[in-house]
Amino acid sequence: MRRPVPRASGFTIVELLIVIVVIGILAAIVLNSFSNSQKQARDAKRMTDLTAIVKAVRSYGASTGAFPAVTANPGIDGWEVSTDPAGSFIESLVTARLFNEVPVDPTNNSQYTYRYYRYAGGSYNCNGGQSYFVVAIEHTEQYGNAKHPKSPGWACSSRDWQSEFSWVTGGYIE
């Protein structure tokens, strides 16, 4: 009687290739999800930061009767921009002890910035002679320069800042 030849144990090359392809697909899905989660987290931080900045600007205005001054920024039409030299973004809020350091965009580069501007009364036909401020996020990672769904928006009869920024709001001294 013949003895059966033992079958070699292990995986064939085809089986190994299938496993490698499946692992590659799963890794791509996980990395994409992780990347999207990071973008969502940075956008959530942007919303939190801007809410805090708006509260501080309003508090400053209520206690002083005027909104923080803007340091002229050549090339950016006078807006305070979070990419200004470290620690100088809306310095008045730090001086007034409303922040130790005003928050800046998590990425904070030429594409992703926070912006602040104080307008004189009557600028762009806003509310007569009362001065006002505008705070904005230049871009968000999920919506680019398109309107973020949580943006309150800010417009006057002759200018709509929402068309310029992803997230924007403004206000008057109350």
N, C-alpha and C. Protein backbone atom coordinates (compact mmCIF):
# COMPACT_ATOMS: atom_id res chain seq x y z
N MET A 1 0.81 -1.17 0.00
CA MET A 1 0.00 0.00 0.00
C MET A 1 0.87 1.25 0.00
N ARG A 2 0.44 2.16 -0.78
CA ARG A 2 1.18 3.42 -0.89
C ARG A 2 0.74 4.38 0.20
N ARG A 3 1.72 5.07 0.68
CA ARG A 3 1.41 6.10 1.68
C ARG A 3 1.07 7.39 0.96
N PRO A 4 0.04 8.09 1.43
CA PRO A 4 -0.26 9.36 0.78
C PRO A 4 0.86 10.37 1.04
N VAL A 5 1.15 11.16 0.03
CA VAL A 5 2.17 12.20 0.14
C VAL A 5 1.56 13.34 0.98
N PRO A 6 2.26 13.74 2.04
CA PRO A 6 1.70 14.83 2.84
C PRO A 6 1.64 16.12 2.02
N ARG A 7 0.55 16.80 2.20
CA ARG A 7 0.35 18.08 1.51
C ARG A 7 1.17 19.16 2.21
N ALA A 8 1.81 20.02 1.44
CA ALA A 8 2.58 21.12 2.03
C ALA A 8 1.62 22.12 2.67
N SER A 9 1.95 22.54 3.87
CA SER A 9 1.09 23.52 4.53
C SER A 9 1.63 24.92 4.25
N GLY A 10 0.77 25.90 4.32
CA GLY A 10 1.15 27.29 4.07
C GLY A 10 0.22 27.92 3.06
N PHE A 11 0.54 29.15 2.70
CA PHE A 11 -0.31 29.89 1.78
C PHE A 11 0.32 29.92 0.40
N THR A 12 -0.51 29.97 -0.60
CA THR A 12 -0.01 30.12 -1.96
C THR A 12 0.27 31.60 -2.21
N ILE A 13 1.00 31.88 -3.23
CA ILE A 13 1.32 33.27 -3.58
C ILE A 13 0.04 34.06 -3.85
N VAL A 14 -0.92 33.43 -4.51
CA VAL A 14 -2.19 34.11 -4.82
C VAL A 14 -2.91 34.50 -3.52
N GLU A 15 -2.94 33.58 -2.56
CA GLU A 15 -3.60 33.89 -1.29
C GLU A 15 -2.89 35.03 -0.57
N LEU A 16 -1.57 35.01 -0.59
CA LEU A 16 -0.81 36.10 0.05
C LEU A 16 -1.07 37.43 -0.64
N LEU A 17 -1.12 37.45 -1.95
CA LEU A 17 -1.40 38.69 -2.68
C LEU A 17 -2.79 39.23 -2.34
N ILE A 18 -3.76 38.35 -2.23
CA ILE A 18 -5.13 38.78 -1.89
C ILE A 18 -5.15 39.41 -0.51
N VAL A 19 -4.48 38.78 0.45
CA VAL A 19 -4.42 39.33 1.82
C VAL A 19 -3.74 40.69 1.82
N ILE A 20 -2.65 40.83 1.09
CA ILE A 20 -1.93 42.11 1.03
C ILE A 20 -2.80 43.20 0.41
N VAL A 21 -3.52 42.88 -0.65
CA VAL A 21 -4.41 43.87 -1.29
C VAL A 21 -5.52 44.29 -0.32
N VAL A 22 -6.12 43.34 0.37
CA VAL A 22 -7.19 43.66 1.33
C VAL A 22 -6.65 44.54 2.45
N ILE A 23 -5.48 44.21 2.99
CA ILE A 23 -4.87 45.04 4.04
C ILE A 23 -4.59 46.45 3.51
N GLY A 24 -4.11 46.55 2.28
CA GLY A 24 -3.85 47.87 1.67
C GLY A 24 -5.11 48.69 1.55
N ILE A 25 -6.21 48.07 1.13
CA ILE A 25 -7.48 48.79 1.00
C ILE A 25 -7.97 49.26 2.37
N LEU A 26 -7.91 48.38 3.36
CA LEU A 26 -8.33 48.76 4.71
C LEU A 26 -7.47 49.89 5.27
N ALA A 27 -6.16 49.83 5.03
CA ALA A 27 -5.26 50.89 5.50
C ALA A 27 -5.61 52.23 4.85
N ALA A 28 -5.91 52.22 3.57
CA ALA A 28 -6.29 53.45 2.86
C ALA A 28 -7.57 54.04 3.44
N ILE A 29 -8.53 53.19 3.75
CA ILE A 29 -9.80 53.66 4.32
C ILE A 29 -9.55 54.27 5.70
N VAL A 30 -8.77 53.60 6.52
CA VAL A 30 -8.48 54.10 7.87
C VAL A 30 -7.73 55.43 7.80
N LEU A 31 -6.72 55.52 6.94
CA LEU A 31 -5.96 56.77 6.82
C LEU A 31 -6.84 57.91 6.34
N ASN A 32 -7.72 57.66 5.39
CA ASN A 32 -8.63 58.69 4.90
C ASN A 32 -9.56 59.15 6.01
N SER A 33 -10.10 58.22 6.78
CA SER A 33 -10.98 58.58 7.89
C SER A 33 -10.24 59.39 8.93
N PHE A 34 -9.00 59.00 9.22
CA PHE A 34 -8.19 59.72 10.19
C PHE A 34 -7.91 61.13 9.71
N SER A 35 -7.60 61.28 8.43
CA SER A 35 -7.34 62.60 7.86
C SER A 35 -8.58 63.49 7.96
N ASN A 36 -9.75 62.93 7.62
CA ASN A 36 -11.00 63.70 7.73
C ASN A 36 -11.30 64.07 9.17
N SER A 37 -11.01 63.17 10.11
CA SER A 37 -11.22 63.46 11.53
C SER A 37 -10.34 64.61 11.98
N GLN A 38 -9.10 64.64 11.51
CA GLN A 38 -8.20 65.73 11.87
C GLN A 38 -8.71 67.06 11.31
N LYS A 39 -9.19 67.05 10.08
CA LYS A 39 -9.74 68.27 9.49
C LYS A 39 -10.94 68.76 10.28
N GLN A 40 -11.84 67.85 10.64
CA GLN A 40 -13.01 68.22 11.43
C GLN A 40 -12.60 68.77 12.79
N ALA A 41 -11.59 68.18 13.41
CA ALA A 41 -11.12 68.66 14.71
C ALA A 41 -10.53 70.07 14.60
N ARG A 42 -9.74 70.32 13.55
CA ARG A 42 -9.18 71.67 13.38
C ARG A 42 -10.28 72.69 13.10
N ASP A 43 -11.30 72.31 12.30
CA ASP A 43 -12.41 73.23 12.05
C ASP A 43 -13.21 73.48 13.33
N ALA A 44 -13.38 72.47 14.16
CA ALA A 44 -14.09 72.65 15.44
C ALA A 44 -13.30 73.61 16.33
N LYS A 45 -11.97 73.48 16.34
CA LYS A 45 -11.14 74.41 17.12
C LYS A 45 -11.28 75.83 16.58
N ARG A 46 -11.36 75.97 15.28
CA ARG A 46 -11.55 77.30 14.68
C ARG A 46 -12.85 77.94 15.18
N MET A 47 -13.92 77.16 15.20
CA MET A 47 -15.22 77.69 15.67
C MET A 47 -15.13 78.10 17.14
N THR A 48 -14.49 77.26 17.95
CA THR A 48 -14.33 77.56 19.38
C THR A 48 -13.49 78.82 19.58
N ASP A 49 -12.37 78.91 18.86
CA ASP A 49 -11.49 80.08 18.97
C ASP A 49 -12.22 81.36 18.60
N LEU A 50 -12.94 81.33 17.47
CA LEU A 50 -13.61 82.55 17.03
C LEU A 50 -14.73 82.97 17.98
N THR A 51 -15.42 82.00 18.55
CA THR A 51 -16.44 82.32 19.55
C THR A 51 -15.80 83.03 20.73
N ALA A 52 -14.65 82.55 21.19
CA ALA A 52 -13.94 83.19 22.31
C ALA A 52 -13.45 84.58 21.92
N ILE A 53 -12.93 84.72 20.70
CA ILE A 53 -12.44 86.04 20.26
C ILE A 53 -13.59 87.04 20.19
N VAL A 54 -14.72 86.62 19.63
CA VAL A 54 -15.88 87.52 19.53
C VAL A 54 -16.34 87.95 20.92
N LYS A 55 -16.41 87.03 21.86
CA LYS A 55 -16.80 87.38 23.24
C LYS A 55 -15.82 88.38 23.84
N ALA A 56 -14.52 88.16 23.61
CA ALA A 56 -13.51 89.07 24.15
C ALA A 56 -13.60 90.45 23.50
N VAL A 57 -13.82 90.50 22.19
CA VAL A 57 -13.95 91.79 21.50
C VAL A 57 -15.18 92.54 22.02
N ARG A 58 -16.30 91.83 22.20
CA ARG A 58 -17.51 92.46 22.74
C ARG A 58 -17.28 92.95 24.17
N SER A 59 -16.60 92.15 24.99
CA SER A 59 -16.30 92.54 26.36
C SER A 59 -15.41 93.77 26.39
N TYR A 60 -14.41 93.78 25.53
CA TYR A 60 -13.52 94.94 25.42
C TYR A 60 -14.32 96.19 25.04
N GLY A 61 -15.22 96.03 24.05
CA GLY A 61 -16.05 97.15 23.61
C GLY A 61 -16.98 97.64 24.70
N ALA A 62 -17.55 96.72 25.47
CA ALA A 62 -18.46 97.11 26.54
C ALA A 62 -17.73 97.85 27.65
N SER A 63 -16.48 97.45 27.94
CA SER A 63 -15.77 98.09 29.04
C SER A 63 -15.06 99.38 28.64
N THR A 64 -14.69 99.52 27.36
CA THR A 64 -13.94 100.72 26.94
C THR A 64 -14.76 101.68 26.09
N GLY A 65 -15.87 101.22 25.56
CA GLY A 65 -16.68 102.06 24.68
C GLY A 65 -16.19 102.06 23.23
N ALA A 66 -15.17 101.26 22.94
CA ALA A 66 -14.65 101.15 21.57
C ALA A 66 -14.09 99.75 21.38
N PHE A 67 -14.05 99.30 20.14
CA PHE A 67 -13.47 98.00 19.87
C PHE A 67 -11.96 98.13 19.78
N PRO A 68 -11.22 97.01 19.93
CA PRO A 68 -9.76 97.09 19.86
C PRO A 68 -9.28 97.74 18.57
N ALA A 69 -8.22 98.52 18.70
CA ALA A 69 -7.63 99.16 17.52
C ALA A 69 -6.98 98.10 16.65
N VAL A 70 -6.85 98.42 15.38
CA VAL A 70 -6.21 97.52 14.43
C VAL A 70 -4.83 98.08 14.12
N THR A 71 -3.84 97.21 14.21
CA THR A 71 -2.49 97.60 13.83
C THR A 71 -2.42 97.49 12.32
N ALA A 72 -2.06 98.58 11.67
CA ALA A 72 -1.99 98.56 10.20
C ALA A 72 -1.11 97.42 9.75
N ASN A 73 -1.56 96.73 8.73
CA ASN A 73 -0.86 95.57 8.22
C ASN A 73 -0.67 95.75 6.72
N PRO A 74 0.47 96.32 6.30
CA PRO A 74 0.67 96.57 4.88
C PRO A 74 0.46 95.33 4.04
N GLY A 75 -0.26 95.50 2.95
CA GLY A 75 -0.49 94.39 2.05
C GLY A 75 -1.75 93.60 2.37
N ILE A 76 -2.35 93.82 3.54
CA ILE A 76 -3.56 93.09 3.88
C ILE A 76 -4.66 94.10 4.26
N ASP A 77 -4.62 95.26 3.69
CA ASP A 77 -5.66 96.28 3.84
C ASP A 77 -6.00 96.62 5.28
N GLY A 78 -5.04 96.53 6.19
CA GLY A 78 -5.27 96.96 7.56
C GLY A 78 -5.88 95.93 8.48
N TRP A 79 -6.30 94.81 7.97
CA TRP A 79 -6.86 93.76 8.84
C TRP A 79 -5.80 93.25 9.79
N GLU A 80 -6.20 92.95 11.03
CA GLU A 80 -5.35 92.17 11.92
C GLU A 80 -5.45 90.74 11.42
N VAL A 81 -4.34 90.08 11.27
CA VAL A 81 -4.33 88.72 10.73
C VAL A 81 -3.53 87.83 11.68
N SER A 82 -4.02 86.62 11.92
CA SER A 82 -3.38 85.74 12.89
C SER A 82 -1.97 85.33 12.50
N THR A 83 -1.58 85.52 11.24
CA THR A 83 -0.21 85.19 10.83
C THR A 83 0.74 86.35 11.09
N ASP A 84 0.24 87.45 11.68
CA ASP A 84 1.13 88.54 12.07
C ASP A 84 2.19 87.96 13.02
N PRO A 85 3.27 88.68 13.26
CA PRO A 85 4.29 88.13 14.17
C PRO A 85 3.66 87.60 15.46
N ALA A 86 4.21 86.52 15.97
CA ALA A 86 3.66 85.83 17.14
C ALA A 86 3.31 86.80 18.27
N GLY A 87 2.13 86.62 18.83
CA GLY A 87 1.72 87.40 19.98
C GLY A 87 1.16 88.78 19.67
N SER A 88 1.10 89.17 18.40
CA SER A 88 0.61 90.51 18.10
C SER A 88 -0.82 90.54 17.55
N PHE A 89 -1.45 89.38 17.40
CA PHE A 89 -2.81 89.33 16.88
C PHE A 89 -3.78 89.89 17.93
N ILE A 90 -4.41 91.01 17.59
CA ILE A 90 -5.32 91.75 18.46
C ILE A 90 -4.71 91.93 19.86
N GLU A 91 -3.54 92.55 19.88
CA GLU A 91 -2.78 92.77 21.12
C GLU A 91 -3.60 93.41 22.23
N SER A 92 -4.55 94.27 21.87
CA SER A 92 -5.35 94.98 22.88
C SER A 92 -6.10 94.01 23.79
N LEU A 93 -6.47 92.84 23.28
CA LEU A 93 -7.19 91.86 24.11
C LEU A 93 -6.27 91.24 25.15
N VAL A 94 -4.98 91.14 24.83
CA VAL A 94 -4.01 90.63 25.80
C VAL A 94 -3.73 91.71 26.83
N THR A 95 -3.54 92.95 26.35
CA THR A 95 -3.28 94.07 27.26
C THR A 95 -4.43 94.25 28.24
N ALA A 96 -5.66 94.04 27.79
CA ALA A 96 -6.84 94.18 28.65
C ALA A 96 -7.06 92.92 29.50
N ARG A 97 -6.15 91.99 29.41
CA ARG A 97 -6.20 90.73 30.18
C ARG A 97 -7.42 89.87 29.88
N LEU A 98 -7.88 89.94 28.64
CA LEU A 98 -8.97 89.07 28.22
C LEU A 98 -8.43 87.74 27.68
N PHE A 99 -7.15 87.74 27.31
CA PHE A 99 -6.44 86.54 26.88
C PHE A 99 -5.00 86.65 27.36
N ASN A 100 -4.37 85.52 27.61
CA ASN A 100 -2.92 85.53 27.80
C ASN A 100 -2.26 85.63 26.42
N GLU A 101 -2.88 84.96 25.47
CA GLU A 101 -2.46 85.03 24.07
C GLU A 101 -3.70 84.76 23.23
N VAL A 102 -3.99 85.65 22.29
CA VAL A 102 -5.18 85.50 21.46
C VAL A 102 -5.01 84.25 20.60
N PRO A 103 -6.03 83.38 20.54
CA PRO A 103 -5.90 82.16 19.74
C PRO A 103 -5.65 82.48 18.27
N VAL A 104 -4.88 81.60 17.65
CA VAL A 104 -4.63 81.71 16.21
C VAL A 104 -5.07 80.41 15.55
N ASP A 105 -5.25 80.46 14.26
CA ASP A 105 -5.68 79.29 13.49
C ASP A 105 -4.74 78.12 13.75
N PRO A 106 -5.28 76.89 13.87
CA PRO A 106 -4.41 75.73 14.14
C PRO A 106 -3.36 75.50 13.06
N THR A 107 -3.67 75.82 11.82
CA THR A 107 -2.69 75.69 10.74
C THR A 107 -1.92 77.00 10.59
N ASN A 108 -2.62 78.11 10.65
CA ASN A 108 -2.07 79.47 10.65
C ASN A 108 -0.99 79.69 9.60
N ASN A 109 -1.40 79.56 8.34
CA ASN A 109 -0.48 79.85 7.24
C ASN A 109 -1.20 80.82 6.30
N SER A 110 -0.66 81.06 5.13
CA SER A 110 -1.24 82.06 4.24
C SER A 110 -2.67 81.72 3.81
N GLN A 111 -3.06 80.45 3.87
CA GLN A 111 -4.41 80.06 3.46
C GLN A 111 -5.39 80.03 4.62
N TYR A 112 -4.94 79.60 5.78
CA TYR A 112 -5.82 79.46 6.94
C TYR A 112 -5.44 80.49 7.99
N THR A 113 -6.27 81.53 8.12
CA THR A 113 -5.99 82.59 9.08
C THR A 113 -7.28 83.05 9.75
N TYR A 114 -7.11 83.71 10.91
CA TYR A 114 -8.21 84.45 11.53
C TYR A 114 -7.97 85.91 11.18
N ARG A 115 -9.07 86.65 11.03
CA ARG A 115 -8.95 88.07 10.72
C ARG A 115 -9.88 88.90 11.60
N TYR A 116 -9.43 90.13 11.88
CA TYR A 116 -10.22 91.05 12.69
C TYR A 116 -10.08 92.44 12.09
N TYR A 117 -11.19 93.19 12.06
CA TYR A 117 -11.12 94.58 11.62
C TYR A 117 -12.18 95.40 12.35
N ARG A 118 -11.81 96.62 12.69
CA ARG A 118 -12.75 97.56 13.30
C ARG A 118 -13.03 98.64 12.26
N TYR A 119 -14.31 98.82 11.95
CA TYR A 119 -14.71 99.81 10.95
C TYR A 119 -15.29 101.04 11.63
N ALA A 120 -15.04 102.18 11.02
CA ALA A 120 -15.62 103.43 11.51
C ALA A 120 -17.11 103.46 11.22
N GLY A 121 -17.82 104.21 12.02
CA GLY A 121 -19.27 104.33 11.83
C GLY A 121 -19.61 104.77 10.42
N GLY A 122 -20.62 104.15 9.85
CA GLY A 122 -21.08 104.50 8.52
C GLY A 122 -20.36 103.79 7.38
N SER A 123 -19.25 103.10 7.69
CA SER A 123 -18.54 102.37 6.63
C SER A 123 -19.48 101.34 6.01
N TYR A 124 -19.51 101.31 4.68
CA TYR A 124 -20.36 100.39 3.92
C TYR A 124 -21.84 100.51 4.28
N ASN A 125 -22.24 101.70 4.71
CA ASN A 125 -23.63 101.99 5.06
C ASN A 125 -24.17 101.08 6.17
N CYS A 126 -23.31 100.77 7.14
CA CYS A 126 -23.74 99.93 8.27
C CYS A 126 -24.23 100.81 9.42
N ASN A 127 -25.44 100.61 9.81
CA ASN A 127 -26.02 101.16 11.04
C ASN A 127 -25.61 102.60 11.35
N GLY A 128 -25.74 103.46 10.39
CA GLY A 128 -25.49 104.89 10.64
C GLY A 128 -24.07 105.20 11.06
N GLY A 129 -23.93 105.90 12.17
CA GLY A 129 -22.61 106.37 12.60
C GLY A 129 -21.94 105.50 13.64
N GLN A 130 -22.44 104.32 13.89
CA GLN A 130 -21.88 103.47 14.94
C GLN A 130 -20.75 102.59 14.39
N SER A 131 -19.60 102.60 15.09
CA SER A 131 -18.50 101.73 14.65
C SER A 131 -18.86 100.28 14.91
N TYR A 132 -18.19 99.38 14.21
CA TYR A 132 -18.47 97.96 14.34
C TYR A 132 -17.21 97.16 14.04
N PHE A 133 -17.25 95.87 14.37
CA PHE A 133 -16.11 95.00 14.11
C PHE A 133 -16.56 93.84 13.23
N VAL A 134 -15.58 93.23 12.57
CA VAL A 134 -15.80 92.02 11.79
C VAL A 134 -14.69 91.04 12.16
N VAL A 135 -15.06 89.80 12.48
CA VAL A 135 -14.11 88.73 12.78
C VAL A 135 -14.40 87.60 11.80
N ALA A 136 -13.34 87.02 11.24
CA ALA A 136 -13.56 86.02 10.19
C ALA A 136 -12.50 84.91 10.21
N ILE A 137 -12.90 83.79 9.64
CA ILE A 137 -11.98 82.70 9.33
C ILE A 137 -11.85 82.69 7.81
N GLU A 138 -10.62 82.82 7.34
CA GLU A 138 -10.41 82.89 5.89
C GLU A 138 -10.91 81.64 5.17
N HIS A 139 -10.45 80.48 5.60
CA HIS A 139 -10.87 79.20 5.00
C HIS A 139 -11.08 78.19 6.11
N THR A 140 -11.96 77.23 5.87
CA THR A 140 -12.04 76.06 6.73
C THR A 140 -11.64 74.87 5.86
N GLU A 141 -11.21 73.81 6.50
CA GLU A 141 -10.72 72.67 5.73
C GLU A 141 -11.84 71.86 5.09
N GLN A 142 -13.00 71.86 5.72
CA GLN A 142 -14.11 71.10 5.15
C GLN A 142 -14.83 71.86 4.05
N TYR A 143 -14.85 73.20 4.11
CA TYR A 143 -15.64 73.98 3.15
C TYR A 143 -14.81 74.95 2.32
N GLY A 144 -13.49 74.97 2.52
CA GLY A 144 -12.66 75.90 1.76
C GLY A 144 -13.08 77.33 2.04
N ASN A 145 -13.28 78.13 0.99
CA ASN A 145 -13.72 79.51 1.14
C ASN A 145 -15.24 79.62 1.06
N ALA A 146 -15.91 78.50 0.83
CA ALA A 146 -17.38 78.50 0.78
C ALA A 146 -17.93 78.73 2.19
N LYS A 147 -19.16 79.17 2.27
CA LYS A 147 -19.78 79.47 3.57
C LYS A 147 -19.85 78.22 4.44
N HIS A 148 -19.33 78.33 5.64
CA HIS A 148 -19.45 77.26 6.63
C HIS A 148 -20.88 77.29 7.14
N PRO A 149 -21.53 76.13 7.29
CA PRO A 149 -22.94 76.12 7.71
C PRO A 149 -23.19 76.76 9.07
N LYS A 150 -22.17 76.85 9.93
CA LYS A 150 -22.36 77.46 11.25
C LYS A 150 -21.99 78.94 11.26
N SER A 151 -21.65 79.50 10.11
CA SER A 151 -21.28 80.91 10.06
C SER A 151 -22.50 81.79 10.27
N PRO A 152 -22.42 82.71 11.24
CA PRO A 152 -23.54 83.63 11.45
C PRO A 152 -23.70 84.64 10.31
N GLY A 153 -22.59 84.91 9.61
CA GLY A 153 -22.61 85.88 8.52
C GLY A 153 -22.56 87.31 9.03
N TRP A 154 -22.17 88.22 8.15
CA TRP A 154 -22.17 89.65 8.48
C TRP A 154 -22.21 90.42 7.18
N ALA A 155 -23.17 91.33 7.09
CA ALA A 155 -23.32 92.12 5.87
C ALA A 155 -23.88 93.49 6.21
N CYS A 156 -23.55 94.45 5.37
CA CYS A 156 -24.15 95.78 5.41
C CYS A 156 -24.76 96.00 4.03
N SER A 157 -25.42 97.12 3.86
CA SER A 157 -26.14 97.31 2.60
C SER A 157 -25.21 97.32 1.38
N SER A 158 -23.93 97.69 1.56
CA SER A 158 -23.05 97.71 0.39
C SER A 158 -21.87 96.74 0.48
N ARG A 159 -21.90 95.80 1.43
CA ARG A 159 -20.84 94.79 1.48
C ARG A 159 -21.33 93.56 2.26
N ASP A 160 -21.02 92.39 1.73
CA ASP A 160 -21.35 91.13 2.40
C ASP A 160 -20.04 90.37 2.63
N TRP A 161 -19.57 90.35 3.86
CA TRP A 161 -18.31 89.70 4.19
C TRP A 161 -18.40 88.18 4.04
N GLN A 162 -19.62 87.62 4.11
CA GLN A 162 -19.76 86.18 3.97
C GLN A 162 -19.29 85.71 2.60
N SER A 163 -19.37 86.57 1.61
CA SER A 163 -18.91 86.18 0.27
C SER A 163 -17.37 86.17 0.20
N GLU A 164 -16.71 86.72 1.23
CA GLU A 164 -15.25 86.80 1.23
C GLU A 164 -14.59 85.76 2.14
N PHE A 165 -15.34 85.26 3.11
CA PHE A 165 -14.77 84.38 4.12
C PHE A 165 -15.65 83.15 4.31
N SER A 166 -15.05 82.09 4.85
CA SER A 166 -15.81 80.88 5.12
C SER A 166 -16.71 81.05 6.34
N TRP A 167 -16.21 81.71 7.38
CA TRP A 167 -16.98 81.95 8.61
C TRP A 167 -16.74 83.40 8.99
N VAL A 168 -17.81 84.12 9.26
CA VAL A 168 -17.67 85.54 9.60
C VAL A 168 -18.81 85.98 10.50
N THR A 169 -18.50 86.94 11.36
CA THR A 169 -19.52 87.60 12.16
C THR A 169 -19.03 89.00 12.46
N GLY A 170 -19.88 89.79 13.03
CA GLY A 170 -19.51 91.15 13.39
C GLY A 170 -20.45 91.64 14.48
N GLY A 171 -20.26 92.89 14.85
CA GLY A 171 -21.13 93.44 15.88
C GLY A 171 -20.90 94.90 16.13
N TYR A 172 -21.85 95.48 16.83
CA TYR A 172 -21.80 96.88 17.26
C TYR A 172 -21.64 96.92 18.76
N ILE A 173 -21.21 98.06 19.28
CA ILE A 173 -21.17 98.22 20.74
C ILE A 173 -22.61 98.35 21.21
N GLU A 174 -22.95 97.55 22.20
CA GLU A 174 -24.33 97.54 22.71
C GLU A 174 -24.49 98.47 23.88
